[in-house]
Amino acid sequence: ENHLGAGIPKEEAEKLGLPPRDYIPKTLEEKIVAHAD
């Protein structure tokens, strides 16, 4: 859910038409996969 780019903050997610919440990778594993992408 949180792998897109370096994460999408809530305000930006709303503008993109996504459900309004943070899509920010928080754990080390989330960050590694997101950035490998």
Full PDB file with SEQRES, HELIX, SHEET, SSBOND, CRYST1, ORIGX, SCALE, CONECT and MASTER records, all heavy atoms in Angstrom:
SEQRES   1 A   37  GLU ASN HIS LEU GLY ALA GLY ILE PRO LYS GLU GLU ALA          
SEQRES   2 A   37  GLU LYS LEU GLY LEU PRO PRO ARG ASP TYR ILE PRO LYS          
SEQRES   3 A   37  THR LEU GLU GLU LYS ILE VAL ALA HIS ALA ASP                  
HELIX    1 AA1 LYS A   10  LYS A   15  1                                   6    
HELIX    2 AA2 LEU A   28  ALA A   36  1                                   9    
CRYST1    1.000    1.000    1.000  90.00  90.00  90.00 P 1           1          
ORIGX1      1.000000  0.000000  0.000000        0.00000                         
ORIGX2      0.000000  1.000000  0.000000        0.00000                         
ORIGX3      0.000000  0.000000  1.000000        0.00000                         
SCALE1      1.000000  0.000000  0.000000        0.00000                         
SCALE2      0.000000  1.000000  0.000000        0.00000                         
SCALE3      0.000000  0.000000  1.000000        0.00000                         
ATOM      1  N   GLU A   1       0.809  -1.220   0.000  1.00  0.00           N  
ATOM      2  CA  GLU A   1       0.000   0.000   0.000  1.00  0.00           C  
ATOM      3  C   GLU A   1       0.844   1.273   0.000  1.00  0.00           C  
ATOM      4  O   GLU A   1       0.439   2.301  -0.550  1.00  0.00           O  
ATOM      5  CB  GLU A   1      -0.926  -0.008   1.222  1.00  0.00           C  
ATOM      6  CG  GLU A   1      -2.050   0.996   1.163  1.00  0.00           C  
ATOM      7  CD  GLU A   1      -3.154   0.687   2.151  1.00  0.00           C  
ATOM      8  OE1 GLU A   1      -2.841   0.441   3.337  1.00  0.00           O  
ATOM      9  OE2 GLU A   1      -4.333   0.674   1.754  1.00  0.00           O  
ATOM     10  N   ASN A   2       2.032   1.208   0.601  1.00  0.00           N  
ATOM     11  CA  ASN A   2       2.836   2.418   0.789  1.00  0.00           C  
ATOM     12  C   ASN A   2       4.089   2.456  -0.082  1.00  0.00           C  
ATOM     13  O   ASN A   2       5.014   3.210   0.214  1.00  0.00           O  
ATOM     14  CB  ASN A   2       3.253   2.539   2.262  1.00  0.00           C  
ATOM     15  CG  ASN A   2       2.071   2.655   3.202  1.00  0.00           C  
ATOM     16  OD1 ASN A   2       1.023   3.163   2.823  1.00  0.00           O  
ATOM     17  ND2 ASN A   2       2.230   2.178   4.423  1.00  0.00           N  
ATOM     18  N   HIS A   3       4.133   1.672  -1.155  1.00  0.00           N  
ATOM     19  CA  HIS A   3       5.368   1.570  -1.924  1.00  0.00           C  
ATOM     20  C   HIS A   3       5.526   2.620  -3.017  1.00  0.00           C  
ATOM     21  O   HIS A   3       6.585   2.707  -3.635  1.00  0.00           O  
ATOM     22  CB  HIS A   3       5.482   0.174  -2.571  1.00  0.00           C  
ATOM     23  CG  HIS A   3       4.717   0.036  -3.857  1.00  0.00           C  
ATOM     24  ND1 HIS A   3       3.392  -0.348  -3.898  1.00  0.00           N  
ATOM     25  CD2 HIS A   3       5.085   0.234  -5.157  1.00  0.00           C  
ATOM     26  CE1 HIS A   3       2.994  -0.389  -5.158  1.00  0.00           C  
ATOM     27  NE2 HIS A   3       3.997  -0.040  -5.950  1.00  0.00           N  
ATOM     28  N   LEU A   4       4.517   3.423  -3.255  1.00  0.00           N  
ATOM     29  CA  LEU A   4       4.563   4.357  -4.382  1.00  0.00           C  
ATOM     30  C   LEU A   4       5.551   5.493  -4.127  1.00  0.00           C  
ATOM     31  O   LEU A   4       5.377   6.284  -3.198  1.00  0.00           O  
ATOM     32  CB  LEU A   4       3.178   4.920  -4.658  1.00  0.00           C  
ATOM     33  CG  LEU A   4       2.108   3.888  -5.060  1.00  0.00           C  
ATOM     34  CD1 LEU A   4       0.763   4.547  -5.193  1.00  0.00           C  
ATOM     35  CD2 LEU A   4       2.506   3.201  -6.355  1.00  0.00           C  
ATOM     36  N   GLY A   5       6.588   5.578  -4.949  1.00  0.00           N  
ATOM     37  CA  GLY A   5       7.581   6.632  -4.814  1.00  0.00           C  
ATOM     38  C   GLY A   5       8.249   6.583  -3.460  1.00  0.00           C  
ATOM     39  O   GLY A   5       8.708   5.550  -2.999  1.00  0.00           O  
ATOM     40  N   ALA A   6       8.288   7.734  -2.806  1.00  0.00           N  
ATOM     41  CA  ALA A   6       8.818   7.808  -1.446  1.00  0.00           C  
ATOM     42  C   ALA A   6       7.675   7.993  -0.467  1.00  0.00           C  
ATOM     43  O   ALA A   6       7.851   8.502   0.631  1.00  0.00           O  
ATOM     44  CB  ALA A   6       9.820   8.959  -1.338  1.00  0.00           C  
ATOM     45  N   GLY A   7       6.488   7.566  -0.896  1.00  0.00           N  
ATOM     46  CA  GLY A   7       5.304   7.723  -0.065  1.00  0.00           C  
ATOM     47  C   GLY A   7       4.479   8.928  -0.494  1.00  0.00           C  
ATOM     48  O   GLY A   7       5.009   9.891  -1.073  1.00  0.00           O  
ATOM     49  N   ILE A   8       3.203   8.887  -0.204  1.00  0.00           N  
ATOM     50  CA  ILE A   8       2.299   9.974  -0.575  1.00  0.00           C  
ATOM     51  C   ILE A   8       1.628  10.509   0.691  1.00  0.00           C  
ATOM     52  O   ILE A   8       0.908   9.766   1.377  1.00  0.00           O  
ATOM     53  CB  ILE A   8       1.211   9.482  -1.552  1.00  0.00           C  
ATOM     54  CG1 ILE A   8       1.856   8.865  -2.803  1.00  0.00           C  
ATOM     55  CG2 ILE A   8       0.281  10.626  -1.946  1.00  0.00           C  
ATOM     56  CD1 ILE A   8       0.857   8.237  -3.752  1.00  0.00           C  
ATOM     57  N   PRO A   9       1.867  11.773   1.047  1.00  0.00           N  
ATOM     58  CA  PRO A   9       1.206  12.341   2.228  1.00  0.00           C  
ATOM     59  C   PRO A   9      -0.285  12.526   1.991  1.00  0.00           C  
ATOM     60  O   PRO A   9      -0.756  12.546   0.848  1.00  0.00           O  
ATOM     61  CB  PRO A   9       1.913  13.682   2.421  1.00  0.00           C  
ATOM     62  CG  PRO A   9       2.472  14.020   1.079  1.00  0.00           C  
ATOM     63  CD  PRO A   9       2.790  12.729   0.403  1.00  0.00           C  
ATOM     64  N   LYS A  10      -1.030  12.680   3.062  1.00  0.00           N  
ATOM     65  CA  LYS A  10      -2.488  12.733   3.011  1.00  0.00           C  
ATOM     66  C   LYS A  10      -3.005  13.816   2.068  1.00  0.00           C  
ATOM     67  O   LYS A  10      -3.913  13.555   1.268  1.00  0.00           O  
ATOM     68  CB  LYS A  10      -3.047  12.969   4.424  1.00  0.00           C  
ATOM     69  CG  LYS A  10      -4.558  13.021   4.492  1.00  0.00           C  
ATOM     70  CD  LYS A  10      -5.036  13.241   5.921  1.00  0.00           C  
ATOM     71  CE  LYS A  10      -6.558  13.341   5.989  1.00  0.00           C  
ATOM     72  NZ  LYS A  10      -7.020  13.569   7.393  1.00  0.00           N  
ATOM     73  N   GLU A  11      -2.449  15.024   2.161  1.00  0.00           N  
ATOM     74  CA  GLU A  11      -2.942  16.130   1.343  1.00  0.00           C  
ATOM     75  C   GLU A  11      -2.785  15.827  -0.146  1.00  0.00           C  
ATOM     76  O   GLU A  11      -3.677  16.095  -0.954  1.00  0.00           O  
ATOM     77  CB  GLU A  11      -2.189  17.421   1.692  1.00  0.00           C  
ATOM     78  CG  GLU A  11      -2.338  17.893   3.122  1.00  0.00           C  
ATOM     79  CD  GLU A  11      -1.501  17.106   4.106  1.00  0.00           C  
ATOM     80  OE1 GLU A  11      -0.602  16.344   3.658  1.00  0.00           O  
ATOM     81  OE2 GLU A  11      -1.749  17.224   5.323  1.00  0.00           O  
ATOM     82  N   GLU A  12      -1.631  15.246  -0.492  1.00  0.00           N  
ATOM     83  CA  GLU A  12      -1.372  14.903  -1.887  1.00  0.00           C  
ATOM     84  C   GLU A  12      -2.260  13.753  -2.338  1.00  0.00           C  
ATOM     85  O   GLU A  12      -2.726  13.723  -3.485  1.00  0.00           O  
ATOM     86  CB  GLU A  12       0.100  14.544  -2.056  1.00  0.00           C  
ATOM     87  CG  GLU A  12       0.556  14.450  -3.495  1.00  0.00           C  
ATOM     88  CD  GLU A  12       2.054  14.250  -3.609  1.00  0.00           C  
ATOM     89  OE1 GLU A  12       2.788  14.973  -2.901  1.00  0.00           O  
ATOM     90  OE2 GLU A  12       2.488  13.375  -4.400  1.00  0.00           O  
ATOM     91  N   ALA A  13      -2.496  12.802  -1.431  1.00  0.00           N  
ATOM     92  CA  ALA A  13      -3.347  11.656  -1.757  1.00  0.00           C  
ATOM     93  C   ALA A  13      -4.753  12.120  -2.124  1.00  0.00           C  
ATOM     94  O   ALA A  13      -5.359  11.627  -3.085  1.00  0.00           O  
ATOM     95  CB  ALA A  13      -3.396  10.691  -0.577  1.00  0.00           C  
ATOM     96  N   GLU A  14      -5.274  13.090  -1.375  1.00  0.00           N  
ATOM     97  CA  GLU A  14      -6.612  13.619  -1.665  1.00  0.00           C  
ATOM     98  C   GLU A  14      -6.665  14.249  -3.051  1.00  0.00           C  
ATOM     99  O   GLU A  14      -7.631  14.064  -3.795  1.00  0.00           O  
ATOM    100  CB  GLU A  14      -7.006  14.639  -0.600  1.00  0.00           C  
ATOM    101  CG  GLU A  14      -7.307  14.031   0.766  1.00  0.00           C  
ATOM    102  CD  GLU A  14      -7.836  15.065   1.746  1.00  0.00           C  
ATOM    103  OE1 GLU A  14      -9.059  15.314   1.746  1.00  0.00           O  
ATOM    104  OE2 GLU A  14      -7.022  15.614   2.500  1.00  0.00           O  
ATOM    105  N   LYS A  15      -5.616  15.010  -3.404  1.00  0.00           N  
ATOM    106  CA  LYS A  15      -5.577  15.643  -4.718  1.00  0.00           C  
ATOM    107  C   LYS A  15      -5.524  14.614  -5.839  1.00  0.00           C  
ATOM    108  O   LYS A  15      -6.019  14.849  -6.937  1.00  0.00           O  
ATOM    109  CB  LYS A  15      -4.358  16.561  -4.808  1.00  0.00           C  
ATOM    110  CG  LYS A  15      -4.425  17.776  -3.895  1.00  0.00           C  
ATOM    111  CD  LYS A  15      -3.158  18.613  -4.004  1.00  0.00           C  
ATOM    112  CE  LYS A  15      -3.198  19.808  -3.057  1.00  0.00           C  
ATOM    113  NZ  LYS A  15      -1.933  20.595  -3.130  1.00  0.00           N  
ATOM    114  N   LEU A  16      -4.915  13.457  -5.550  1.00  0.00           N  
ATOM    115  CA  LEU A  16      -4.791  12.397  -6.549  1.00  0.00           C  
ATOM    116  C   LEU A  16      -6.026  11.501  -6.608  1.00  0.00           C  
ATOM    117  O   LEU A  16      -6.084  10.569  -7.409  1.00  0.00           O  
ATOM    118  CB  LEU A  16      -3.549  11.549  -6.244  1.00  0.00           C  
ATOM    119  CG  LEU A  16      -2.201  12.260  -6.414  1.00  0.00           C  
ATOM    120  CD1 LEU A  16      -1.080  11.401  -5.831  1.00  0.00           C  
ATOM    121  CD2 LEU A  16      -1.935  12.559  -7.882  1.00  0.00           C  
ATOM    122  N   GLY A  17      -7.003  11.774  -5.742  1.00  0.00           N  
ATOM    123  CA  GLY A  17      -8.229  10.989  -5.742  1.00  0.00           C  
ATOM    124  C   GLY A  17      -8.141   9.705  -4.945  1.00  0.00           C  
ATOM    125  O   GLY A  17      -9.015   8.826  -5.071  1.00  0.00           O  
ATOM    126  N   LEU A  18      -7.119   9.594  -4.105  1.00  0.00           N  
ATOM    127  CA  LEU A  18      -6.977   8.410  -3.258  1.00  0.00           C  
ATOM    128  C   LEU A  18      -7.699   8.629  -1.937  1.00  0.00           C  
ATOM    129  O   LEU A  18      -7.927   9.778  -1.536  1.00  0.00           O  
ATOM    130  CB  LEU A  18      -5.493   8.133  -2.987  1.00  0.00           C  
ATOM    131  CG  LEU A  18      -4.603   7.873  -4.210  1.00  0.00           C  
ATOM    132  CD1 LEU A  18      -3.154   7.736  -3.776  1.00  0.00           C  
ATOM    133  CD2 LEU A  18      -5.064   6.633  -4.952  1.00  0.00           C  
ATOM    134  N   PRO A  19      -8.077   7.566  -1.245  1.00  0.00           N  
ATOM    135  CA  PRO A  19      -8.670   7.726   0.083  1.00  0.00           C  
ATOM    136  C   PRO A  19      -7.768   8.594   0.953  1.00  0.00           C  
ATOM    137  O   PRO A  19      -6.539   8.401   0.953  1.00  0.00           O  
ATOM    138  CB  PRO A  19      -8.750   6.286   0.607  1.00  0.00           C  
ATOM    139  CG  PRO A  19      -8.882   5.456  -0.634  1.00  0.00           C  
ATOM    140  CD  PRO A  19      -8.017   6.145  -1.665  1.00  0.00           C  
ATOM    141  N   PRO A  20      -8.328   9.557   1.681  1.00  0.00           N  
ATOM    142  CA  PRO A  20      -7.519  10.547   2.404  1.00  0.00           C  
ATOM    143  C   PRO A  20      -6.796   9.991   3.631  1.00  0.00           C  
ATOM    144  O   PRO A  20      -7.351   9.921   4.723  1.00  0.00           O  
ATOM    145  CB  PRO A  20      -8.549  11.607   2.812  1.00  0.00           C  
ATOM    146  CG  PRO A  20      -9.844  10.847   2.891  1.00  0.00           C  
ATOM    147  CD  PRO A  20      -9.766   9.814   1.822  1.00  0.00           C  
ATOM    148  N   ARG A  21      -5.563   9.599   3.433  1.00  0.00           N  
ATOM    149  CA  ARG A  21      -4.699   9.193   4.536  1.00  0.00           C  
ATOM    150  C   ARG A  21      -3.255   9.212   4.052  1.00  0.00           C  
ATOM    151  O   ARG A  21      -2.991   9.370   2.859  1.00  0.00           O  
ATOM    152  CB  ARG A  21      -5.078   7.806   5.052  1.00  0.00           C  
ATOM    153  CG  ARG A  21      -4.669   6.631   4.185  1.00  0.00           C  
ATOM    154  CD  ARG A  21      -4.849   5.341   4.970  1.00  0.00           C  
ATOM    155  NE  ARG A  21      -4.213   4.184   4.400  1.00  0.00           N  
ATOM    156  CZ  ARG A  21      -2.915   3.933   4.416  1.00  0.00           C  
ATOM    157  NH1 ARG A  21      -2.080   4.812   4.919  1.00  0.00           N  
ATOM    158  NH2 ARG A  21      -2.426   2.812   3.909  1.00  0.00           N  
ATOM    159  N   ASP A  22      -2.321   9.065   4.972  1.00  0.00           N  
ATOM    160  CA  ASP A  22      -0.906   9.016   4.601  1.00  0.00           C  
ATOM    161  C   ASP A  22      -0.551   7.658   4.015  1.00  0.00           C  
ATOM    162  O   ASP A  22      -0.931   6.620   4.567  1.00  0.00           O  
ATOM    163  CB  ASP A  22      -0.024   9.278   5.826  1.00  0.00           C  
ATOM    164  CG  ASP A  22       0.049  10.755   6.181  1.00  0.00           C  
ATOM    165  OD1 ASP A  22      -0.068  11.580   5.262  1.00  0.00           O  
ATOM    166  OD2 ASP A  22       0.227  11.076   7.364  1.00  0.00           O  
ATOM    167  N   TYR A  23       0.186   7.677   2.915  1.00  0.00           N  
ATOM    168  CA  TYR A  23       0.722   6.454   2.316  1.00  0.00           C  
ATOM    169  C   TYR A  23       2.252   6.569   2.350  1.00  0.00           C  
ATOM    170  O   TYR A  23       2.919   6.566   1.320  1.00  0.00           O  
ATOM    171  CB  TYR A  23       0.220   6.288   0.885  1.00  0.00           C  
ATOM    172  CG  TYR A  23      -1.281   6.159   0.797  1.00  0.00           C  
ATOM    173  CD1 TYR A  23      -2.080   7.299   0.703  1.00  0.00           C  
ATOM    174  CD2 TYR A  23      -1.910   4.916   0.818  1.00  0.00           C  
ATOM    175  CE1 TYR A  23      -3.464   7.196   0.641  1.00  0.00           C  
ATOM    176  CE2 TYR A  23      -3.282   4.801   0.749  1.00  0.00           C  
ATOM    177  CZ  TYR A  23      -4.059   5.947   0.664  1.00  0.00           C  
ATOM    178  OH  TYR A  23      -5.427   5.851   0.602  1.00  0.00           O  
ATOM    179  N   ILE A  24       2.762   6.693   3.547  1.00  0.00           N  
ATOM    180  CA  ILE A  24       4.188   6.903   3.754  1.00  0.00           C  
ATOM    181  C   ILE A  24       4.814   5.630   4.322  1.00  0.00           C  
ATOM    182  O   ILE A  24       4.343   5.113   5.339  1.00  0.00           O  
ATOM    183  CB  ILE A  24       4.444   8.068   4.734  1.00  0.00           C  
ATOM    184  CG1 ILE A  24       3.773   9.354   4.237  1.00  0.00           C  
ATOM    185  CG2 ILE A  24       5.938   8.266   4.957  1.00  0.00           C  
ATOM    186  CD1 ILE A  24       4.390   9.928   2.997  1.00  0.00           C  
ATOM    187  N   PRO A  25       5.863   5.103   3.692  1.00  0.00           N  
ATOM    188  CA  PRO A  25       6.534   3.933   4.270  1.00  0.00           C  
ATOM    189  C   PRO A  25       7.192   4.307   5.594  1.00  0.00           C  
ATOM    190  O   PRO A  25       7.924   5.298   5.664  1.00  0.00           O  
ATOM    191  CB  PRO A  25       7.572   3.557   3.207  1.00  0.00           C  
ATOM    192  CG  PRO A  25       7.805   4.805   2.416  1.00  0.00           C  
ATOM    193  CD  PRO A  25       6.502   5.553   2.444  1.00  0.00           C  
ATOM    194  N   LYS A  26       6.924   3.521   6.634  1.00  0.00           N  
ATOM    195  CA  LYS A  26       7.418   3.869   7.971  1.00  0.00           C  
ATOM    196  C   LYS A  26       8.502   2.908   8.460  1.00  0.00           C  
ATOM    197  O   LYS A  26       9.508   3.339   9.000  1.00  0.00           O  
ATOM    198  CB  LYS A  26       6.254   3.907   8.968  1.00  0.00           C  
ATOM    199  CG  LYS A  26       5.224   4.995   8.668  1.00  0.00           C  
ATOM    200  CD  LYS A  26       4.129   5.009   9.722  1.00  0.00           C  
ATOM    201  CE  LYS A  26       3.155   6.176   9.476  1.00  0.00           C  
ATOM    202  NZ  LYS A  26       2.400   6.016   8.215  1.00  0.00           N  
ATOM    203  N   THR A  27       8.301   1.622   8.294  1.00  0.00           N  
ATOM    204  CA  THR A  27       9.301   0.681   8.781  1.00  0.00           C  
ATOM    205  C   THR A  27      10.460   0.575   7.795  1.00  0.00           C  
ATOM    206  O   THR A  27      10.346   0.969   6.624  1.00  0.00           O  
ATOM    207  CB  THR A  27       8.696  -0.721   8.986  1.00  0.00           C  
ATOM    208  OG1 THR A  27       8.352  -1.277   7.706  1.00  0.00           O  
ATOM    209  CG2 THR A  27       7.450  -0.660   9.857  1.00  0.00           C  
ATOM    210  N   LEU A  28      11.558   0.041   8.275  1.00  0.00           N  
ATOM    211  CA  LEU A  28      12.730  -0.121   7.417  1.00  0.00           C  
ATOM    212  C   LEU A  28      12.406  -0.978   6.203  1.00  0.00           C  
ATOM    213  O   LEU A  28      12.829  -0.662   5.077  1.00  0.00           O  
ATOM    214  CB  LEU A  28      13.872  -0.747   8.231  1.00  0.00           C  
ATOM    215  CG  LEU A  28      15.192  -0.987   7.504  1.00  0.00           C  
ATOM    216  CD1 LEU A  28      15.724   0.300   6.891  1.00  0.00           C  
ATOM    217  CD2 LEU A  28      16.205  -1.601   8.464  1.00  0.00           C  
ATOM    218  N   GLU A  29      11.658  -2.055   6.402  1.00  0.00           N  
ATOM    219  CA  GLU A  29      11.312  -2.944   5.291  1.00  0.00           C  
ATOM    220  C   GLU A  29      10.459  -2.231   4.251  1.00  0.00           C  
ATOM    221  O   GLU A  29      10.662  -2.406   3.036  1.00  0.00           O  
ATOM    222  CB  GLU A  29      10.588  -4.179   5.822  1.00  0.00           C  
ATOM    223  CG  GLU A  29      11.455  -5.163   6.592  1.00  0.00           C  
ATOM    224  CD  GLU A  29      11.756  -4.719   8.015  1.00  0.00           C  
ATOM    225  OE1 GLU A  29      11.149  -3.729   8.488  1.00  0.00           O  
ATOM    226  OE2 GLU A  29      12.595  -5.357   8.664  1.00  0.00           O  
ATOM    227  N   GLU A  30       9.509  -1.430   4.695  1.00  0.00           N  
ATOM    228  CA  GLU A  30       8.679  -0.661   3.763  1.00  0.00           C  
ATOM    229  C   GLU A  30       9.532   0.307   2.947  1.00  0.00           C  
ATOM    230  O   GLU A  30       9.363   0.453   1.725  1.00  0.00           O  
ATOM    231  CB  GLU A  30       7.625   0.137   4.532  1.00  0.00           C  
ATOM    232  CG  GLU A  30       6.526  -0.691   5.180  1.00  0.00           C  
ATOM    233  CD  GLU A  30       5.594   0.176   6.006  1.00  0.00           C  
ATOM    234  OE1 GLU A  30       4.833   0.953   5.411  1.00  0.00           O  
ATOM    235  OE2 GLU A  30       5.646   0.085   7.250  1.00  0.00           O  
ATOM    236  N   LYS A  31      10.440   0.993   3.617  1.00  0.00           N  
ATOM    237  CA  LYS A  31      11.287   1.983   2.944  1.00  0.00           C  
ATOM    238  C   LYS A  31      12.198   1.322   1.917  1.00  0.00           C  
ATOM    239  O   LYS A  31      12.398   1.850   0.814  1.00  0.00           O  
ATOM    240  CB  LYS A  31      12.112   2.743   3.978  1.00  0.00           C  
ATOM    241  CG  LYS A  31      11.283   3.641   4.882  1.00  0.00           C  
ATOM    242  CD  LYS A  31      12.118   4.259   5.990  1.00  0.00           C  
ATOM    243  CE  LYS A  31      11.256   5.135   6.906  1.00  0.00           C  
ATOM    244  NZ  LYS A  31      12.047   5.710   8.024  1.00  0.00           N  
ATOM    245  N   ILE A  32      12.753   0.172   2.263  1.00  0.00           N  
ATOM    246  CA  ILE A  32      13.666  -0.513   1.340  1.00  0.00           C  
ATOM    247  C   ILE A  32      12.944  -0.926   0.064  1.00  0.00           C  
ATOM    248  O   ILE A  32      13.439  -0.705  -1.047  1.00  0.00           O  
ATOM    249  CB  ILE A  32      14.310  -1.732   2.031  1.00  0.00           C  
ATOM    250  CG1 ILE A  32      15.325  -1.272   3.070  1.00  0.00           C  
ATOM    251  CG2 ILE A  32      14.979  -2.654   1.001  1.00  0.00           C  
ATOM    252  CD1 ILE A  32      15.906  -2.390   3.915  1.00  0.00           C  
ATOM    253  N   VAL A  33      11.769  -1.516   0.196  1.00  0.00           N  
ATOM    254  CA  VAL A  33      11.035  -1.959  -0.993  1.00  0.00           C  
ATOM    255  C   VAL A  33      10.601  -0.757  -1.834  1.00  0.00           C  
ATOM    256  O   VAL A  33      10.746  -0.765  -3.062  1.00  0.00           O  
ATOM    257  CB  VAL A  33       9.818  -2.817  -0.603  1.00  0.00           C  
ATOM    258  CG1 VAL A  33       8.974  -3.132  -1.845  1.00  0.00           C  
ATOM    259  CG2 VAL A  33      10.261  -4.109   0.070  1.00  0.00           C  
ATOM    260  N   ALA A  34      10.092   0.274  -1.184  1.00  0.00           N  
ATOM    261  CA  ALA A  34       9.651   1.461  -1.921  1.00  0.00           C  
ATOM    262  C   ALA A  34      10.808   2.062  -2.717  1.00  0.00           C  
ATOM    263  O   ALA A  34      10.661   2.419  -3.890  1.00  0.00           O  
ATOM    264  CB  ALA A  34       9.076   2.500  -0.958  1.00  0.00           C  
ATOM    265  N   HIS A  35      11.979   2.139  -2.084  1.00  0.00           N  
ATOM    266  CA  HIS A  35      13.092   2.790  -2.775  1.00  0.00           C  
ATOM    267  C   HIS A  35      13.732   1.881  -3.818  1.00  0.00           C  
ATOM    268  O   HIS A  35      14.238   2.366  -4.838  1.00  0.00           O  
ATOM    269  CB  HIS A  35      14.138   3.272  -1.782  1.00  0.00           C  
ATOM    270  CG  HIS A  35      15.016   4.348  -2.351  1.00  0.00           C  
ATOM    271  ND1 HIS A  35      14.505   5.480  -2.957  1.00  0.00           N  
ATOM    272  CD2 HIS A  35      16.371   4.465  -2.438  1.00  0.00           C  
ATOM    273  CE1 HIS A  35      15.490   6.255  -3.381  1.00  0.00           C  
ATOM    274  NE2 HIS A  35      16.637   5.649  -3.090  1.00  0.00           N  
ATOM    275  N   ALA A  36      13.723   0.588  -3.578  1.00  0.00           N  
ATOM    276  CA  ALA A  36      14.212  -0.329  -4.614  1.00  0.00           C  
ATOM    277  C   ALA A  36      13.377  -0.160  -5.876  1.00  0.00           C  
ATOM    278  O   ALA A  36      13.911  -0.182  -7.000  1.00  0.00           O  
ATOM    279  CB  ALA A  36      14.137  -1.772  -4.105  1.00  0.00           C  
ATOM    280  N   ASP A  37      12.083   0.036  -5.717  1.00  0.00           N  
ATOM    281  CA  ASP A  37      11.192   0.280  -6.849  1.00  0.00           C  
ATOM    282  C   ASP A  37      11.558   1.589  -7.554  1.00  0.00           C  
ATOM    283  O   ASP A  37      11.518   1.686  -8.791  1.00  0.00           O  
ATOM    284  CB  ASP A  37       9.749   0.324  -6.352  1.00  0.00           C  
ATOM    285  CG  ASP A  37       8.727   0.275  -7.478  1.00  0.00           C  
ATOM    286  OD1 ASP A  37       8.995  -0.383  -8.498  1.00  0.00           O  
ATOM    287  OD2 ASP A  37       7.660   0.888  -7.336  1.00  0.00           O  
TER     288      ASP A  37                                                      
MASTER        0    0    0    2    0    0    0    6  287    1    0    3          
END                                                                             
